[in-house]
Amino acid sequence: MLMDSRLRSVHADTVGSDPEQQRLVEHLLGSMGPEGLDDILDGACTLIFMYMKWLREAHEAHDKDVIEYVVPTLVTTLRQMPISIPPETIPTMSGMVIAAAIGLSPTLWRQQYGDWKRTELTPVEATAFLLAEHINRMTGDPDFATRLITEALTQVEESHAEAERG
């Protein structure tokens, strides 16, 4: 929901963000305790993993290396946002994306280095956003990345319901 909101706000015809949407996001985040924020962070890492899986498969279909084609663009874009993305966080974001590209969970990869730092939260969100935007540009569909996740969630729900039925 948060990622879809960010994607839509970037492509909205209005300048700046929708104040009502911003207020709703801030209320949601403010109402969560530390566990809720950890869940959002884990969710962002899951998005990164799923986006990189899709990108890896798309690149492999054309005999290309996803790391070679996606990571440099991501790093370049992150470097262009020094106010929001501290330069010292870019190696962590790169490592997380590379881990996802080779099939490792970004959350589990990160755990070996300890807890997330406050300065890394915005870069994680930006990384997920940039990957979603990259997918949308590749496909020529501004909603493709959101649909990719929605369809995956629907499949999980259907398989859980099927398993419960027996």
C-alpha atoms as a PDB file:
ATOM      1  CA  MET A   1       0.000   0.000   0.000  1.00  0.00           C
ATOM      2  CA  LEU A   2       2.748   2.443   0.910  1.00  0.00           C
ATOM      3  CA  MET A   3       4.762   1.647  -2.221  1.00  0.00           C
ATOM      4  CA  ASP A   4       1.723   1.965  -4.471  1.00  0.00           C
ATOM      5  CA  SER A   5       0.938   5.301  -2.816  1.00  0.00           C
ATOM      6  CA  ARG A   6       4.473   6.546  -3.481  1.00  0.00           C
ATOM      7  CA  LEU A   7       4.388   5.400  -7.107  1.00  0.00           C
ATOM      8  CA  ARG A   8       1.053   7.102  -7.707  1.00  0.00           C
ATOM      9  CA  SER A   9       2.139  10.349  -6.054  1.00  0.00           C
ATOM     10  CA  VAL A  10       5.205  10.584  -8.275  1.00  0.00           C
ATOM     11  CA  HIS A  11       3.091  10.169 -11.403  1.00  0.00           C
ATOM     12  CA  ALA A  12       0.228  12.402 -10.290  1.00  0.00           C
ATOM     13  CA  ASP A  13      -0.484  15.483 -12.353  1.00  0.00           C
ATOM     14  CA  THR A  14      -0.272  17.711  -9.280  1.00  0.00           C
ATOM     15  CA  VAL A  15       2.917  19.265  -8.021  1.00  0.00           C
ATOM     16  CA  GLY A  16       3.984  17.936  -4.615  1.00  0.00           C
ATOM     17  CA  SER A  17       2.242  15.231  -2.676  1.00  0.00           C
ATOM     18  CA  ASP A  18      -1.427  15.012  -1.812  1.00  0.00           C
ATOM     19  CA  PRO A  19      -1.720  16.388   1.745  1.00  0.00           C
ATOM     20  CA  GLU A  20      -4.574  14.018   2.614  1.00  0.00           C
ATOM     21  CA  GLN A  21      -2.614  11.000   1.370  1.00  0.00           C
ATOM     22  CA  GLN A  22       0.468  12.179   3.262  1.00  0.00           C
ATOM     23  CA  ARG A  23      -1.587  12.617   6.440  1.00  0.00           C
ATOM     24  CA  LEU A  24      -3.018   9.093   6.106  1.00  0.00           C
ATOM     25  CA  VAL A  25       0.452   7.569   5.617  1.00  0.00           C
ATOM     26  CA  GLU A  26       1.835   9.513   8.586  1.00  0.00           C
ATOM     27  CA  HIS A  27      -1.125   8.410  10.725  1.00  0.00           C
ATOM     28  CA  LEU A  28      -0.591   4.783   9.732  1.00  0.00           C
ATOM     29  CA  LEU A  29       3.110   4.921  10.524  1.00  0.00           C
ATOM     30  CA  GLY A  30       2.526   6.863  13.757  1.00  0.00           C
ATOM     31  CA  SER A  31      -0.020   4.344  15.008  1.00  0.00           C
ATOM     32  CA  MET A  32       2.435   1.477  14.763  1.00  0.00           C
ATOM     33  CA  GLY A  33       4.792   0.484  17.480  1.00  0.00           C
ATOM     34  CA  PRO A  34       8.304  -0.828  16.883  1.00  0.00           C
ATOM     35  CA  GLU A  35       6.974  -4.228  15.773  1.00  0.00           C
ATOM     36  CA  GLY A  36       4.724  -2.588  13.193  1.00  0.00           C
ATOM     37  CA  LEU A  37       7.624  -0.614  11.786  1.00  0.00           C
ATOM     38  CA  ASP A  38       9.702  -3.799  11.675  1.00  0.00           C
ATOM     39  CA  ASP A  39       6.876  -5.389   9.701  1.00  0.00           C
ATOM     40  CA  ILE A  40       6.917  -2.515   7.216  1.00  0.00           C
ATOM     41  CA  LEU A  41      10.689  -2.836   6.883  1.00  0.00           C
ATOM     42  CA  ASP A  42      10.377  -6.600   6.347  1.00  0.00           C
ATOM     43  CA  GLY A  43       7.654  -5.886   3.795  1.00  0.00           C
ATOM     44  CA  ALA A  44       9.919  -3.476   1.908  1.00  0.00           C
ATOM     45  CA  CYS A  45      12.656  -6.126   1.895  1.00  0.00           C
ATOM     46  CA  THR A  46      10.141  -8.668   0.584  1.00  0.00           C
ATOM     47  CA  LEU A  47       9.175  -6.256  -2.197  1.00  0.00           C
ATOM     48  CA  ILE A  48      12.853  -5.823  -3.075  1.00  0.00           C
ATOM     49  CA  PHE A  49      13.269  -9.602  -3.174  1.00  0.00           C
ATOM     50  CA  MET A  50      10.203 -10.110  -5.373  1.00  0.00           C
ATOM     51  CA  TYR A  51      11.098  -7.248  -7.718  1.00  0.00           C
ATOM     52  CA  MET A  52      14.650  -8.545  -8.105  1.00  0.00           C
ATOM     53  CA  LYS A  53      13.347 -12.059  -8.758  1.00  0.00           C
ATOM     54  CA  TRP A  54      11.139 -10.726 -11.540  1.00  0.00           C
ATOM     55  CA  LEU A  55      13.973  -8.579 -12.918  1.00  0.00           C
ATOM     56  CA  ARG A  56      16.406 -11.521 -12.795  1.00  0.00           C
ATOM     57  CA  GLU A  57      14.004 -13.720 -14.736  1.00  0.00           C
ATOM     58  CA  ALA A  58      13.290 -10.960 -17.267  1.00  0.00           C
ATOM     59  CA  HIS A  59      17.008 -10.311 -17.819  1.00  0.00           C
ATOM     60  CA  GLU A  60      17.891 -14.009 -18.009  1.00  0.00           C
ATOM     61  CA  ALA A  61      15.250 -14.440 -20.730  1.00  0.00           C
ATOM     62  CA  HIS A  62      17.436 -12.104 -22.822  1.00  0.00           C
ATOM     63  CA  ASP A  63      20.767 -13.650 -21.720  1.00  0.00           C
ATOM     64  CA  LYS A  64      21.587 -10.595 -19.601  1.00  0.00           C
ATOM     65  CA  ASP A  65      22.872 -10.326 -16.049  1.00  0.00           C
ATOM     66  CA  VAL A  66      20.446  -8.484 -13.771  1.00  0.00           C
ATOM     67  CA  ILE A  67      23.279  -7.306 -11.522  1.00  0.00           C
ATOM     68  CA  GLU A  68      25.103  -5.750 -14.466  1.00  0.00           C
ATOM     69  CA  TYR A  69      22.018  -3.941 -15.755  1.00  0.00           C
ATOM     70  CA  VAL A  70      20.064  -2.998 -12.627  1.00  0.00           C
ATOM     71  CA  VAL A  71      22.563  -2.301  -9.833  1.00  0.00           C
ATOM     72  CA  PRO A  72      24.596   0.449 -11.584  1.00  0.00           C
ATOM     73  CA  THR A  73      21.409   2.345 -12.487  1.00  0.00           C
ATOM     74  CA  LEU A  74      20.116   1.974  -8.941  1.00  0.00           C
ATOM     75  CA  VAL A  75      23.388   3.194  -7.410  1.00  0.00           C
ATOM     76  CA  THR A  76      23.554   6.152  -9.799  1.00  0.00           C
ATOM     77  CA  THR A  77      20.002   7.178  -8.937  1.00  0.00           C
ATOM     78  CA  LEU A  78      20.552   6.790  -5.181  1.00  0.00           C
ATOM     79  CA  ARG A  79      23.713   8.916  -5.456  1.00  0.00           C
ATOM     80  CA  GLN A  80      21.658  11.696  -7.044  1.00  0.00           C
ATOM     81  CA  MET A  81      19.566  12.007  -3.862  1.00  0.00           C
ATOM     82  CA  PRO A  82      22.164  12.943  -1.194  1.00  0.00           C
ATOM     83  CA  ILE A  83      19.649  14.775   1.027  1.00  0.00           C
ATOM     84  CA  SER A  84      17.355  11.742   1.392  1.00  0.00           C
ATOM     85  CA  ILE A  85      19.922   8.993   0.812  1.00  0.00           C
ATOM     86  CA  PRO A  86      23.100   9.360   2.883  1.00  0.00           C
ATOM     87  CA  PRO A  87      26.052   8.203   0.740  1.00  0.00           C
ATOM     88  CA  GLU A  88      27.160   5.753   3.430  1.00  0.00           C
ATOM     89  CA  THR A  89      23.886   3.811   3.006  1.00  0.00           C
ATOM     90  CA  ILE A  90      24.350   3.143  -0.710  1.00  0.00           C
ATOM     91  CA  PRO A  91      26.722   0.159  -0.261  1.00  0.00           C
ATOM     92  CA  THR A  92      24.153  -1.440   2.048  1.00  0.00           C
ATOM     93  CA  MET A  93      21.364  -0.908  -0.492  1.00  0.00           C
ATOM     94  CA  SER A  94      23.598  -2.321  -3.247  1.00  0.00           C
ATOM     95  CA  GLY A  95      24.465  -5.359  -1.140  1.00  0.00           C
ATOM     96  CA  MET A  96      20.820  -5.947  -0.319  1.00  0.00           C
ATOM     97  CA  VAL A  97      19.807  -5.773  -3.992  1.00  0.00           C
ATOM     98  CA  ILE A  98      22.663  -8.052  -5.052  1.00  0.00           C
ATOM     99  CA  ALA A  99      21.667 -10.539  -2.340  1.00  0.00           C
ATOM    100  CA  ALA A 100      18.102 -10.489  -3.664  1.00  0.00           C
ATOM    101  CA  ALA A 101      19.372 -10.863  -7.243  1.00  0.00           C
ATOM    102  CA  ILE A 102      21.092 -14.124  -6.349  1.00  0.00           C
ATOM    103  CA  GLY A 103      18.076 -15.431  -4.448  1.00  0.00           C
ATOM    104  CA  LEU A 104      18.924 -14.481  -0.861  1.00  0.00           C
ATOM    105  CA  SER A 105      16.379 -12.836   1.399  1.00  0.00           C
ATOM    106  CA  PRO A 106      17.352  -9.182   1.972  1.00  0.00           C
ATOM    107  CA  THR A 107      16.055  -9.425   5.541  1.00  0.00           C
ATOM    108  CA  LEU A 108      18.175 -12.475   6.336  1.00  0.00           C
ATOM    109  CA  TRP A 109      21.159 -10.986   4.502  1.00  0.00           C
ATOM    110  CA  ARG A 110      20.881  -7.813   6.602  1.00  0.00           C
ATOM    111  CA  GLN A 111      20.553  -9.687   9.914  1.00  0.00           C
ATOM    112  CA  GLN A 112      24.205 -10.664   9.754  1.00  0.00           C
ATOM    113  CA  TYR A 113      25.094  -6.965  10.149  1.00  0.00           C
ATOM    114  CA  GLY A 114      22.773  -6.196  13.049  1.00  0.00           C
ATOM    115  CA  ASP A 115      19.665  -4.048  13.312  1.00  0.00           C
ATOM    116  CA  TRP A 116      18.720  -1.527  10.688  1.00  0.00           C
ATOM    117  CA  LYS A 117      19.910   1.990  11.393  1.00  0.00           C
ATOM    118  CA  ARG A 118      17.510   4.898  11.302  1.00  0.00           C
ATOM    119  CA  THR A 119      19.493   6.418   8.413  1.00  0.00           C
ATOM    120  CA  GLU A 120      18.840   3.287   6.337  1.00  0.00           C
ATOM    121  CA  LEU A 121      15.029   3.345   6.503  1.00  0.00           C
ATOM    122  CA  THR A 122      14.468   5.927   3.773  1.00  0.00           C
ATOM    123  CA  PRO A 123      17.076   4.306   1.503  1.00  0.00           C
ATOM    124  CA  VAL A 124      15.307   0.927   1.848  1.00  0.00           C
ATOM    125  CA  GLU A 125      12.008   2.521   0.849  1.00  0.00           C
ATOM    126  CA  ALA A 126      13.706   4.386  -2.009  1.00  0.00           C
ATOM    127  CA  THR A 127      15.325   1.162  -3.215  1.00  0.00           C
ATOM    128  CA  ALA A 128      11.989  -0.662  -3.326  1.00  0.00           C
ATOM    129  CA  PHE A 129      10.413   2.334  -5.051  1.00  0.00           C
ATOM    130  CA  LEU A 130      13.189   2.604  -7.651  1.00  0.00           C
ATOM    131  CA  LEU A 131      12.991  -1.106  -8.448  1.00  0.00           C
ATOM    132  CA  ALA A 132       9.208  -0.866  -8.869  1.00  0.00           C
ATOM    133  CA  GLU A 133       9.616   2.160 -11.110  1.00  0.00           C
ATOM    134  CA  HIS A 134      12.298   0.337 -13.128  1.00  0.00           C
ATOM    135  CA  ILE A 135       9.908  -2.579 -13.675  1.00  0.00           C
ATOM    136  CA  ASN A 136       7.090  -0.221 -14.664  1.00  0.00           C
ATOM    137  CA  ARG A 137       9.340   1.511 -17.216  1.00  0.00           C
ATOM    138  CA  MET A 138      10.569  -1.827 -18.612  1.00  0.00           C
ATOM    139  CA  THR A 139       7.028  -3.062 -19.124  1.00  0.00           C
ATOM    140  CA  GLY A 140       5.570   0.258 -20.236  1.00  0.00           C
ATOM    141  CA  ASP A 141       2.846  -0.202 -17.627  1.00  0.00           C
ATOM    142  CA  PRO A 142       2.674   2.255 -14.687  1.00  0.00           C
ATOM    143  CA  ASP A 143       0.849  -0.306 -12.516  1.00  0.00           C
ATOM    144  CA  PHE A 144       2.775  -3.466 -13.398  1.00  0.00           C
ATOM    145  CA  ALA A 145       4.904  -3.645 -10.212  1.00  0.00           C
ATOM    146  CA  THR A 146       1.862  -3.151  -8.000  1.00  0.00           C
ATOM    147  CA  ARG A 147      -0.076  -5.814  -9.918  1.00  0.00           C
ATOM    148  CA  LEU A 148       2.901  -8.170  -9.657  1.00  0.00           C
ATOM    149  CA  ILE A 149       2.701  -8.019  -5.860  1.00  0.00           C
ATOM    150  CA  THR A 150      -1.098  -8.075  -5.752  1.00  0.00           C
ATOM    151  CA  GLU A 151      -1.190 -11.200  -7.917  1.00  0.00           C
ATOM    152  CA  ALA A 152       1.442 -12.897  -5.745  1.00  0.00           C
ATOM    153  CA  LEU A 153      -0.583 -12.115  -2.611  1.00  0.00           C
ATOM    154  CA  THR A 154      -3.750 -13.435  -4.273  1.00  0.00           C
ATOM    155  CA  GLN A 155      -1.993 -16.694  -5.173  1.00  0.00           C
ATOM    156  CA  VAL A 156      -0.796 -17.107  -1.581  1.00  0.00           C
ATOM    157  CA  GLU A 157      -4.292 -16.471  -0.231  1.00  0.00           C
ATOM    158  CA  GLU A 158      -5.803 -18.956  -2.689  1.00  0.00           C
ATOM    159  CA  SER A 159      -3.285 -21.659  -1.816  1.00  0.00           C
ATOM    160  CA  HIS A 160      -3.921 -21.110   1.920  1.00  0.00           C
ATOM    161  CA  ALA A 161      -7.677 -21.366   1.381  1.00  0.00           C
ATOM    162  CA  GLU A 162      -7.194 -24.493  -0.718  1.00  0.00           C
ATOM    163  CA  ALA A 163      -4.987 -26.061   1.972  1.00  0.00           C
ATOM    164  CA  GLU A 164      -7.596 -25.317   4.655  1.00  0.00           C
ATOM    165  CA  ARG A 165     -10.310 -26.972   2.585  1.00  0.00           C
ATOM    166  CA  GLY A 166      -8.265 -30.073   2.571  1.00  0.00           C
END
